[in-house]
Amino acid sequence: MRFSGRGSPRLRLAPEEFRLLRDMINVHFGLQFDDSGLYLFERRLADRVAALELSSFDEYYKYLRFNANGRRELEEAIETLTTKETYFFRQEYQLRAFQNELLPRIARANAASRQVSIWSAGCSTGEEAYTIAMLMLQSGTMYNWDMRVIGSDLSKNSVAFARRGVYRGASFRTMSEQLLNRYFTRAEGGYQVNDSVRRLCHFGQLNLLDNVRASNVGRVDAIFCRNVLIYFDEQKKKRVIDTLYQRLVPGGYLLLGHSESLLNVSTAFELVHLKEDLVYRKPVLSRQWDASR
């Protein structure tokens, strides 16, 4: 539907068109948007409609469904709709709990193998994954260990940005000048993450509902999945949590966003009370079937 006001005409998204587009996104990517998402769809997808030289959102929906390039365009749509703002050392209280309490526990448990793997599930443009790597380097408990941070996101553009590792402006809103000088080097367009941090981090595109591809992550000691579950309905939340459970080693930890919990989602985890946070732990004596996953 098209609305003509002052200046250039502006596309308007009818409620029925929104529901069709929203349901398509849910079917293909598992993401859930309530009715308040209409304006987001209208504002962010209008440029995609214009880029394809279509005249309405109804035509855009038909393009997604029936055009040979519909699947490719659907990926462009999800890139546009899921752009998230993030920054280094976000939710510092939780990061302190990870560094001061969880990392020492993981180090003691892995003393024989001298290996540790952490997964940033829903890493966006990479700030969280690099932050985790910095905390591991600072911990002092895993000197000369094989340390690995895996960052995954649904957005291929975010993953490409993370791999480049160049940041500026708001990404550093809570970072001290000391840490900036320690872990970054001036580069064209901002500051680039130093090699000492970058070599620990590995990024890839991943839909958390794809349990088969998620197995490529391997087994990990802890998972950060912060402010991701809010985008899924209850059924898909359970599927995502089951995937995360499978990827954790027995005794591994799951860290969620401050407003998220596993209430009514899963009873497979133990709740662990830390000094500044509550986290979830996969029981050490996990289900027998899990050992073969």
C-alpha atoms as a PDB file:
ATOM      1  CA  MET A   1       0.000   0.000   0.000  1.00  0.00           C
ATOM      2  CA  ARG A   2       1.281   3.485  -0.849  1.00  0.00           C
ATOM      3  CA  PHE A   3       0.647   6.726   1.011  1.00  0.00           C
ATOM      4  CA  SER A   4       1.278  10.119  -0.573  1.00  0.00           C
ATOM      5  CA  GLY A   5       2.219  12.926   1.767  1.00  0.00           C
ATOM      6  CA  ARG A   6       4.646  15.792   1.545  1.00  0.00           C
ATOM      7  CA  GLY A   7       7.719  15.135  -0.555  1.00  0.00           C
ATOM      8  CA  SER A   8       8.341  11.643  -1.899  1.00  0.00           C
ATOM      9  CA  PRO A   9       5.641   9.009  -1.478  1.00  0.00           C
ATOM     10  CA  ARG A  10       6.125   6.755   1.534  1.00  0.00           C
ATOM     11  CA  LEU A  11       5.256   3.085   1.644  1.00  0.00           C
ATOM     12  CA  ARG A  12       2.751   2.023   4.258  1.00  0.00           C
ATOM     13  CA  LEU A  13       2.568  -1.539   5.544  1.00  0.00           C
ATOM     14  CA  ALA A  14      -0.966  -2.819   6.025  1.00  0.00           C
ATOM     15  CA  PRO A  15      -1.611  -5.080   9.061  1.00  0.00           C
ATOM     16  CA  GLU A  16      -2.369  -8.078   6.853  1.00  0.00           C
ATOM     17  CA  GLU A  17       0.823  -7.539   4.842  1.00  0.00           C
ATOM     18  CA  PHE A  18       2.761  -7.324   8.099  1.00  0.00           C
ATOM     19  CA  ARG A  19       1.292 -10.601   9.346  1.00  0.00           C
ATOM     20  CA  LEU A  20       2.224 -12.371   6.115  1.00  0.00           C
ATOM     21  CA  LEU A  21       5.802 -11.099   6.222  1.00  0.00           C
ATOM     22  CA  ARG A  22       6.121 -11.765   9.953  1.00  0.00           C
ATOM     23  CA  ASP A  23       4.900 -15.355   9.579  1.00  0.00           C
ATOM     24  CA  MET A  24       7.320 -15.978   6.722  1.00  0.00           C
ATOM     25  CA  ILE A  25      10.231 -14.739   8.833  1.00  0.00           C
ATOM     26  CA  ASN A  26       9.097 -16.992  11.670  1.00  0.00           C
ATOM     27  CA  VAL A  27       8.847 -20.080   9.470  1.00  0.00           C
ATOM     28  CA  HIS A  28      12.279 -19.657   7.912  1.00  0.00           C
ATOM     29  CA  PHE A  29      14.298 -18.230  10.816  1.00  0.00           C
ATOM     30  CA  GLY A  30      12.276 -18.929  13.942  1.00  0.00           C
ATOM     31  CA  LEU A  31      12.166 -15.270  14.971  1.00  0.00           C
ATOM     32  CA  GLN A  32       9.005 -13.937  16.556  1.00  0.00           C
ATOM     33  CA  PHE A  33       7.686 -10.378  16.246  1.00  0.00           C
ATOM     34  CA  ASP A  34       4.548  -9.183  18.012  1.00  0.00           C
ATOM     35  CA  ASP A  35       2.145  -6.597  16.610  1.00  0.00           C
ATOM     36  CA  SER A  36       4.391  -3.758  17.754  1.00  0.00           C
ATOM     37  CA  GLY A  37       6.885  -4.871  15.101  1.00  0.00           C
ATOM     38  CA  LEU A  38       4.757  -3.447  12.261  1.00  0.00           C
ATOM     39  CA  TYR A  39       6.539  -0.099  12.313  1.00  0.00           C
ATOM     40  CA  LEU A  40       9.947  -1.809  12.393  1.00  0.00           C
ATOM     41  CA  PHE A  41       9.053  -3.849   9.301  1.00  0.00           C
ATOM     42  CA  GLU A  42       7.626  -0.805   7.541  1.00  0.00           C
ATOM     43  CA  ARG A  43      10.615   1.416   8.278  1.00  0.00           C
ATOM     44  CA  ARG A  44      13.378  -1.088   7.615  1.00  0.00           C
ATOM     45  CA  LEU A  45      11.956  -3.035   4.674  1.00  0.00           C
ATOM     46  CA  ALA A  46      10.790  -0.014   2.680  1.00  0.00           C
ATOM     47  CA  ASP A  47      14.304   0.393   1.266  1.00  0.00           C
ATOM     48  CA  ARG A  48      14.323  -3.258   0.156  1.00  0.00           C
ATOM     49  CA  VAL A  49      11.006  -2.747  -1.664  1.00  0.00           C
ATOM     50  CA  ALA A  50      12.456   0.319  -3.390  1.00  0.00           C
ATOM     51  CA  ALA A  51      15.719  -1.466  -4.266  1.00  0.00           C
ATOM     52  CA  LEU A  52      13.727  -4.139  -6.105  1.00  0.00           C
ATOM     53  CA  GLU A  53      11.646  -1.442  -7.833  1.00  0.00           C
ATOM     54  CA  LEU A  54       8.411  -2.826  -6.425  1.00  0.00           C
ATOM     55  CA  SER A  55       5.405  -0.663  -5.694  1.00  0.00           C
ATOM     56  CA  SER A  56       4.032  -2.210  -2.496  1.00  0.00           C
ATOM     57  CA  PHE A  57       4.705  -4.550   0.411  1.00  0.00           C
ATOM     58  CA  ASP A  58       2.193  -6.942  -1.109  1.00  0.00           C
ATOM     59  CA  GLU A  59       4.403  -7.199  -4.198  1.00  0.00           C
ATOM     60  CA  TYR A  60       7.403  -7.652  -1.928  1.00  0.00           C
ATOM     61  CA  TYR A  61       5.744 -10.574  -0.147  1.00  0.00           C
ATOM     62  CA  LYS A  62       4.933 -12.223  -3.501  1.00  0.00           C
ATOM     63  CA  TYR A  63       8.538 -11.662  -4.597  1.00  0.00           C
ATOM     64  CA  LEU A  64       9.788 -13.446  -1.485  1.00  0.00           C
ATOM     65  CA  ARG A  65       7.424 -16.355  -2.047  1.00  0.00           C
ATOM     66  CA  PHE A  66       7.557 -16.906  -5.772  1.00  0.00           C
ATOM     67  CA  ASN A  67      10.590 -15.227  -7.333  1.00  0.00           C
ATOM     68  CA  ALA A  68      13.663 -17.361  -8.064  1.00  0.00           C
ATOM     69  CA  ASN A  69      15.704 -14.874  -6.003  1.00  0.00           C
ATOM     70  CA  GLY A  70      13.211 -14.873  -3.155  1.00  0.00           C
ATOM     71  CA  ARG A  71      15.362 -16.878  -0.770  1.00  0.00           C
ATOM     72  CA  ARG A  72      18.313 -14.560  -1.300  1.00  0.00           C
ATOM     73  CA  GLU A  73      16.106 -11.542  -0.708  1.00  0.00           C
ATOM     74  CA  LEU A  74      14.687 -13.148   2.428  1.00  0.00           C
ATOM     75  CA  GLU A  75      18.229 -13.251   3.801  1.00  0.00           C
ATOM     76  CA  GLU A  76      18.595  -9.550   2.963  1.00  0.00           C
ATOM     77  CA  ALA A  77      15.351  -8.898   4.841  1.00  0.00           C
ATOM     78  CA  ILE A  78      16.556 -10.684   7.948  1.00  0.00           C
ATOM     79  CA  GLU A  79      19.814  -8.733   7.812  1.00  0.00           C
ATOM     80  CA  THR A  80      17.810  -5.521   7.814  1.00  0.00           C
ATOM     81  CA  LEU A  81      15.418  -6.560  10.567  1.00  0.00           C
ATOM     82  CA  THR A  82      17.911  -8.023  13.056  1.00  0.00           C
ATOM     83  CA  THR A  83      20.537  -5.268  13.216  1.00  0.00           C
ATOM     84  CA  LYS A  84      21.330  -4.981  16.944  1.00  0.00           C
ATOM     85  CA  GLU A  85      23.312  -2.427  18.891  1.00  0.00           C
ATOM     86  CA  THR A  86      26.083  -3.821  21.069  1.00  0.00           C
ATOM     87  CA  TYR A  87      29.352  -2.707  22.600  1.00  0.00           C
ATOM     88  CA  PHE A  88      32.440  -3.971  24.418  1.00  0.00           C
ATOM     89  CA  PHE A  89      32.099  -5.043  28.068  1.00  0.00           C
ATOM     90  CA  ARG A  90      28.323  -4.921  28.036  1.00  0.00           C
ATOM     91  CA  GLN A  91      26.645  -5.975  31.318  1.00  0.00           C
ATOM     92  CA  GLU A  92      29.881  -5.619  33.279  1.00  0.00           C
ATOM     93  CA  TYR A  93      28.546  -7.256  36.443  1.00  0.00           C
ATOM     94  CA  GLN A  94      28.029 -10.516  34.555  1.00  0.00           C
ATOM     95  CA  LEU A  95      31.437 -10.280  32.917  1.00  0.00           C
ATOM     96  CA  ARG A  96      33.047  -9.799  36.330  1.00  0.00           C
ATOM     97  CA  ALA A  97      31.277 -12.931  37.563  1.00  0.00           C
ATOM     98  CA  PHE A  98      32.539 -14.812  34.512  1.00  0.00           C
ATOM     99  CA  GLN A  99      36.120 -13.628  34.945  1.00  0.00           C
ATOM    100  CA  ASN A 100      36.393 -13.853  38.724  1.00  0.00           C
ATOM    101  CA  GLU A 101      34.317 -16.946  39.468  1.00  0.00           C
ATOM    102  CA  LEU A 102      33.585 -19.046  36.396  1.00  0.00           C
ATOM    103  CA  LEU A 103      36.943 -18.895  34.630  1.00  0.00           C
ATOM    104  CA  PRO A 104      38.842 -20.144  37.707  1.00  0.00           C
ATOM    105  CA  ARG A 105      36.360 -23.027  38.024  1.00  0.00           C
ATOM    106  CA  ILE A 106      36.758 -23.885  34.344  1.00  0.00           C
ATOM    107  CA  ALA A 107      40.554 -23.666  34.669  1.00  0.00           C
ATOM    108  CA  ARG A 108      40.553 -26.145  37.567  1.00  0.00           C
ATOM    109  CA  ALA A 109      38.250 -28.542  35.704  1.00  0.00           C
ATOM    110  CA  ASN A 110      40.405 -28.397  32.542  1.00  0.00           C
ATOM    111  CA  ALA A 111      43.849 -28.396  34.163  1.00  0.00           C
ATOM    112  CA  ALA A 112      44.771 -31.706  32.554  1.00  0.00           C
ATOM    113  CA  SER A 113      43.810 -30.790  28.974  1.00  0.00           C
ATOM    114  CA  ARG A 114      44.824 -27.107  29.215  1.00  0.00           C
ATOM    115  CA  GLN A 115      42.053 -26.257  26.758  1.00  0.00           C
ATOM    116  CA  VAL A 116      39.024 -24.001  27.053  1.00  0.00           C
ATOM    117  CA  SER A 117      36.277 -23.088  24.582  1.00  0.00           C
ATOM    118  CA  ILE A 118      33.615 -20.401  25.001  1.00  0.00           C
ATOM    119  CA  TRP A 119      30.704 -19.808  22.611  1.00  0.00           C
ATOM    120  CA  SER A 120      29.139 -16.390  22.012  1.00  0.00           C
ATOM    121  CA  ALA A 121      25.800 -17.490  20.517  1.00  0.00           C
ATOM    122  CA  GLY A 122      24.271 -14.438  18.861  1.00  0.00           C
ATOM    123  CA  CYS A 123      27.504 -12.460  18.788  1.00  0.00           C
ATOM    124  CA  SER A 124      26.174  -9.681  16.520  1.00  0.00           C
ATOM    125  CA  THR A 125      29.152  -7.645  15.241  1.00  0.00           C
ATOM    126  CA  GLY A 126      31.654  -9.384  17.496  1.00  0.00           C
ATOM    127  CA  GLU A 127      32.110  -7.098  20.492  1.00  0.00           C
ATOM    128  CA  GLU A 128      30.965  -9.766  22.948  1.00  0.00           C
ATOM    129  CA  ALA A 129      33.267 -12.470  21.566  1.00  0.00           C
ATOM    130  CA  TYR A 130      36.289 -10.178  21.626  1.00  0.00           C
ATOM    131  CA  THR A 131      35.396  -9.059  25.152  1.00  0.00           C
ATOM    132  CA  ILE A 132      35.359 -12.691  26.300  1.00  0.00           C
ATOM    133  CA  ALA A 133      38.778 -13.237  24.708  1.00  0.00           C
ATOM    134  CA  MET A 134      40.176 -10.179  26.512  1.00  0.00           C
ATOM    135  CA  LEU A 135      38.849 -11.454  29.833  1.00  0.00           C
ATOM    136  CA  MET A 136      40.462 -14.836  29.229  1.00  0.00           C
ATOM    137  CA  LEU A 137      43.794 -13.194  28.462  1.00  0.00           C
ATOM    138  CA  GLN A 138      43.527 -11.060  31.592  1.00  0.00           C
ATOM    139  CA  SER A 139      42.585 -13.930  33.882  1.00  0.00           C
ATOM    140  CA  GLY A 140      46.146 -15.177  34.304  1.00  0.00           C
ATOM    141  CA  THR A 141      44.863 -18.678  35.090  1.00  0.00           C
ATOM    142  CA  MET A 142      45.308 -20.145  31.605  1.00  0.00           C
ATOM    143  CA  TYR A 143      48.747 -19.035  30.472  1.00  0.00           C
ATOM    144  CA  ASN A 144      49.851 -20.884  27.312  1.00  0.00           C
ATOM    145  CA  TRP A 145      46.543 -22.750  27.136  1.00  0.00           C
ATOM    146  CA  ASP A 146      44.662 -23.570  23.943  1.00  0.00           C
ATOM    147  CA  MET A 147      41.929 -20.938  24.253  1.00  0.00           C
ATOM    148  CA  ARG A 148      39.103 -20.556  21.752  1.00  0.00           C
ATOM    149  CA  VAL A 149      36.119 -18.221  21.473  1.00  0.00           C
ATOM    150  CA  ILE A 150      33.454 -19.069  18.875  1.00  0.00           C
ATOM    151  CA  GLY A 151      31.178 -16.266  17.748  1.00  0.00           C
ATOM    152  CA  SER A 152      28.050 -17.094  15.740  1.00  0.00           C
ATOM    153  CA  ASP A 153      25.193 -15.002  14.452  1.00  0.00           C
ATOM    154  CA  LEU A 154      22.258 -15.330  12.094  1.00  0.00           C
ATOM    155  CA  SER A 155      23.418 -12.238  10.193  1.00  0.00           C
ATOM    156  CA  LYS A 156      26.159 -12.838   7.620  1.00  0.00           C
ATOM    157  CA  ASN A 157      26.910  -9.105   7.517  1.00  0.00           C
ATOM    158  CA  SER A 158      27.448  -9.027  11.282  1.00  0.00           C
ATOM    159  CA  VAL A 159      29.772 -12.021  11.042  1.00  0.00           C
ATOM    160  CA  ALA A 160      31.779 -10.334   8.276  1.00  0.00           C
ATOM    161  CA  PHE A 161      32.025  -7.186  10.412  1.00  0.00           C
ATOM    162  CA  ALA A 162      33.216  -9.230  13.386  1.00  0.00           C
ATOM    163  CA  ARG A 163      35.892 -10.944  11.334  1.00  0.00           C
ATOM    164  CA  ARG A 164      37.213  -7.574  10.186  1.00  0.00           C
ATOM    165  CA  GLY A 165      37.480  -6.469  13.795  1.00  0.00           C
ATOM    166  CA  VAL A 166      37.501  -2.690  13.269  1.00  0.00           C
ATOM    167  CA  TYR A 167      35.349  -0.598  15.604  1.00  0.00           C
ATOM    168  CA  ARG A 168      34.674   2.996  16.535  1.00  0.00           C
ATOM    169  CA  GLY A 169      32.387   5.306  18.480  1.00  0.00           C
ATOM    170  CA  ALA A 170      29.656   3.709  20.559  1.00  0.00           C
ATOM    171  CA  SER A 171      31.343   0.295  20.620  1.00  0.00           C
ATOM    172  CA  PHE A 172      33.755   1.718  23.223  1.00  0.00           C
ATOM    173  CA  ARG A 173      31.206   3.479  25.433  1.00  0.00           C
ATOM    174  CA  THR A 174      32.167   1.517  28.587  1.00  0.00           C
ATOM    175  CA  MET A 175      35.772   0.648  27.756  1.00  0.00           C
ATOM    176  CA  SER A 176      38.613   2.337  29.611  1.00  0.00           C
ATOM    177  CA  GLU A 177      41.404   4.082  27.731  1.00  0.00           C
ATOM    178  CA  GLN A 178      43.822   1.601  29.278  1.00  0.00           C
ATOM    179  CA  LEU A 179      42.065  -1.378  27.712  1.00  0.00           C
ATOM    180  CA  LEU A 180      41.659   0.461  24.420  1.00  0.00           C
ATOM    181  CA  ASN A 181      45.417   1.054  24.237  1.00  0.00           C
ATOM    182  CA  ARG A 182      46.171  -2.496  25.330  1.00  0.00           C
ATOM    183  CA  TYR A 183      43.987  -4.435  22.917  1.00  0.00           C
ATOM    184  CA  PHE A 184      43.458  -2.129  19.909  1.00  0.00           C
ATOM    185  CA  THR A 185      45.524  -0.405  17.247  1.00  0.00           C
ATOM    186  CA  ARG A 186      44.483   2.653  15.246  1.00  0.00           C
ATOM    187  CA  ALA A 187      43.286   1.655  11.786  1.00  0.00           C
ATOM    188  CA  GLU A 188      41.437   3.161   8.851  1.00  0.00           C
ATOM    189  CA  GLY A 189      37.875   3.671  10.010  1.00  0.00           C
ATOM    190  CA  GLY A 190      38.542   3.272  13.723  1.00  0.00           C
ATOM    191  CA  TYR A 191      40.450   0.867  15.959  1.00  0.00           C
ATOM    192  CA  GLN A 192      41.317  -2.719  15.069  1.00  0.00           C
ATOM    193  CA  VAL A 193      41.404  -5.550  17.592  1.00  0.00           C
ATOM    194  CA  ASN A 194      44.997  -6.681  18.160  1.00  0.00           C
ATOM    195  CA  ASP A 195      46.184 -10.053  16.882  1.00  0.00           C
ATOM    196  CA  SER A 196      46.635 -11.367  20.431  1.00  0.00           C
ATOM    197  CA  VAL A 197      42.847 -11.201  20.794  1.00  0.00           C
ATOM    198  CA  ARG A 198      41.792 -11.915  17.206  1.00  0.00           C
ATOM    199  CA  ARG A 199      43.685 -15.190  17.013  1.00  0.00           C
ATOM    200  CA  LEU A 200      41.493 -16.608  19.787  1.00  0.00           C
ATOM    201  CA  CYS A 201      38.218 -15.770  18.029  1.00  0.00           C
ATOM    202  CA  HIS A 202      36.487 -17.685  15.234  1.00  0.00           C
ATOM    203  CA  PHE A 203      33.270 -16.419  13.637  1.00  0.00           C
ATOM    204  CA  GLY A 204      30.600 -18.103  11.544  1.00  0.00           C
ATOM    205  CA  GLN A 205      27.003 -17.643  10.417  1.00  0.00           C
ATOM    206  CA  LEU A 206      24.583 -19.927  12.246  1.00  0.00           C
ATOM    207  CA  ASN A 207      20.859 -20.250  12.839  1.00  0.00           C
ATOM    208  CA  LEU A 208      20.528 -21.551  16.404  1.00  0.00           C
ATOM    209  CA  LEU A 209      17.561 -23.667  15.294  1.00  0.00           C
ATOM    210  CA  ASP A 210      19.881 -25.651  13.013  1.00  0.00           C
ATOM    211  CA  ASN A 211      21.011 -28.355  15.411  1.00  0.00           C
ATOM    212  CA  VAL A 212      23.067 -30.145  12.759  1.00  0.00           C
ATOM    213  CA  ARG A 213      25.197 -27.125  11.857  1.00  0.00           C
ATOM    214  CA  ALA A 214      25.480 -26.154  15.513  1.00  0.00           C
ATOM    215  CA  SER A 215      27.361 -29.405  16.095  1.00  0.00           C
ATOM    216  CA  ASN A 216      30.270 -27.810  14.183  1.00  0.00           C
ATOM    217  CA  VAL A 217      30.831 -25.617  17.232  1.00  0.00           C
ATOM    218  CA  GLY A 218      32.019 -28.687  19.118  1.00  0.00           C
ATOM    219  CA  ARG A 219      31.882 -28.975  22.897  1.00  0.00           C
ATOM    220  CA  VAL A 220      32.277 -25.786  24.896  1.00  0.00           C
ATOM    221  CA  ASP A 221      32.839 -24.913  28.557  1.00  0.00           C
ATOM    222  CA  ALA A 222      30.502 -21.918  28.642  1.00  0.00           C
ATOM    223  CA  ILE A 223      27.942 -20.250  26.398  1.00  0.00           C
ATOM    224  CA  PHE A 224      26.945 -16.590  26.321  1.00  0.00           C
ATOM    225  CA  CYS A 225      23.461 -16.379  24.813  1.00  0.00           C
ATOM    226  CA  ARG A 226      22.395 -12.923  25.935  1.00  0.00           C
ATOM    227  CA  ASN A 227      19.268 -11.158  24.658  1.00  0.00           C
ATOM    228  CA  VAL A 228      18.708 -13.805  21.994  1.00  0.00           C
ATOM    229  CA  LEU A 229      15.873 -15.928  23.393  1.00  0.00           C
ATOM    230  CA  ILE A 230      13.570 -12.893  23.392  1.00  0.00           C
ATOM    231  CA  TYR A 231      13.254 -13.250  19.614  1.00  0.00           C
ATOM    232  CA  PHE A 232      11.839 -16.799  19.753  1.00  0.00           C
ATOM    233  CA  ASP A 233       8.446 -18.189  20.681  1.00  0.00           C
ATOM    234  CA  GLU A 234       8.219 -20.745  23.483  1.00  0.00           C
ATOM    235  CA  GLN A 235       8.536 -23.812  21.265  1.00  0.00           C
ATOM    236  CA  LYS A 236      11.614 -22.501  19.473  1.00  0.00           C
ATOM    237  CA  LYS A 237      13.190 -21.333  22.728  1.00  0.00           C
ATOM    238  CA  LYS A 238      13.098 -24.935  23.886  1.00  0.00           C
ATOM    239  CA  ARG A 239      14.762 -26.081  20.662  1.00  0.00           C
ATOM    240  CA  VAL A 240      17.519 -23.492  21.030  1.00  0.00           C
ATOM    241  CA  ILE A 241      18.132 -24.353  24.678  1.00  0.00           C
ATOM    242  CA  ASP A 242      18.281 -28.061  23.829  1.00  0.00           C
ATOM    243  CA  THR A 243      20.954 -27.272  21.224  1.00  0.00           C
ATOM    244  CA  LEU A 244      22.946 -25.224  23.736  1.00  0.00           C
ATOM    245  CA  TYR A 245      22.641 -28.020  26.297  1.00  0.00           C
ATOM    246  CA  GLN A 246      24.072 -30.504  23.815  1.00  0.00           C
ATOM    247  CA  ARG A 247      27.052 -28.264  23.023  1.00  0.00           C
ATOM    248  CA  LEU A 248      28.029 -27.773  26.678  1.00  0.00           C
ATOM    249  CA  VAL A 249      30.400 -30.157  28.394  1.00  0.00           C
ATOM    250  CA  PRO A 250      29.020 -31.682  31.609  1.00  0.00           C
ATOM    251  CA  GLY A 251      29.484 -28.980  34.226  1.00  0.00           C
ATOM    252  CA  GLY A 252      29.507 -26.233  31.569  1.00  0.00           C
ATOM    253  CA  TYR A 253      27.809 -22.881  32.110  1.00  0.00           C
ATOM    254  CA  LEU A 254      25.057 -20.991  30.264  1.00  0.00           C
ATOM    255  CA  LEU A 255      24.855 -17.188  30.695  1.00  0.00           C
ATOM    256  CA  LEU A 256      21.666 -15.434  29.579  1.00  0.00           C
ATOM    257  CA  GLY A 257      20.651 -11.773  29.401  1.00  0.00           C
ATOM    258  CA  HIS A 258      19.581 -10.038  32.599  1.00  0.00           C
ATOM    259  CA  SER A 259      15.874 -10.225  31.674  1.00  0.00           C
ATOM    260  CA  GLU A 260      15.947 -13.841  30.461  1.00  0.00           C
ATOM    261  CA  SER A 261      15.487 -17.123  32.303  1.00  0.00           C
ATOM    262  CA  LEU A 262      14.776 -20.791  31.654  1.00  0.00           C
ATOM    263  CA  LEU A 263      11.521 -20.684  33.593  1.00  0.00           C
ATOM    264  CA  ASN A 264       8.958 -22.748  31.665  1.00  0.00           C
ATOM    265  CA  VAL A 265      11.634 -23.466  29.033  1.00  0.00           C
ATOM    266  CA  SER A 266      13.925 -26.160  30.452  1.00  0.00           C
ATOM    267  CA  THR A 267      14.550 -28.059  33.678  1.00  0.00           C
ATOM    268  CA  ALA A 268      17.747 -29.691  32.421  1.00  0.00           C
ATOM    269  CA  PHE A 269      20.062 -27.113  34.010  1.00  0.00           C
ATOM    270  CA  GLU A 270      21.100 -26.384  37.575  1.00  0.00           C
ATOM    271  CA  LEU A 271      20.860 -22.800  38.820  1.00  0.00           C
ATOM    272  CA  VAL A 272      24.179 -21.508  40.203  1.00  0.00           C
ATOM    273  CA  HIS A 273      24.274 -18.491  42.525  1.00  0.00           C
ATOM    274  CA  LEU A 274      27.375 -16.341  42.054  1.00  0.00           C
ATOM    275  CA  LYS A 275      28.269 -13.175  43.957  1.00  0.00           C
ATOM    276  CA  GLU A 276      26.939 -10.868  41.233  1.00  0.00           C
ATOM    277  CA  ASP A 277      24.895 -13.091  38.968  1.00  0.00           C
ATOM    278  CA  LEU A 278      22.799 -16.201  38.494  1.00  0.00           C
ATOM    279  CA  VAL A 279      23.916 -18.623  35.794  1.00  0.00           C
ATOM    280  CA  TYR A 280      22.877 -22.057  34.598  1.00  0.00           C
ATOM    281  CA  ARG A 281      25.044 -25.175  34.689  1.00  0.00           C
ATOM    282  CA  LYS A 282      24.712 -28.434  32.846  1.00  0.00           C
ATOM    283  CA  PRO A 283      24.839 -31.154  35.516  1.00  0.00           C
ATOM    284  CA  VAL A 284      28.157 -32.982  35.735  1.00  0.00           C
ATOM    285  CA  LEU A 285      26.280 -36.262  35.710  1.00  0.00           C
ATOM    286  CA  SER A 286      24.213 -35.421  32.643  1.00  0.00           C
ATOM    287  CA  ARG A 287      21.947 -37.821  30.857  1.00  0.00           C
ATOM    288  CA  GLN A 288      23.727 -40.884  29.566  1.00  0.00           C
ATOM    289  CA  TRP A 289      22.476 -40.337  26.028  1.00  0.00           C
ATOM    290  CA  ASP A 290      24.147 -36.946  25.920  1.00  0.00           C
ATOM    291  CA  ALA A 291      27.659 -38.454  25.952  1.00  0.00           C
ATOM    292  CA  SER A 292      27.221 -39.624  22.383  1.00  0.00           C
ATOM    293  CA  ARG A 293      26.111 -36.244  21.013  1.00  0.00           C
END
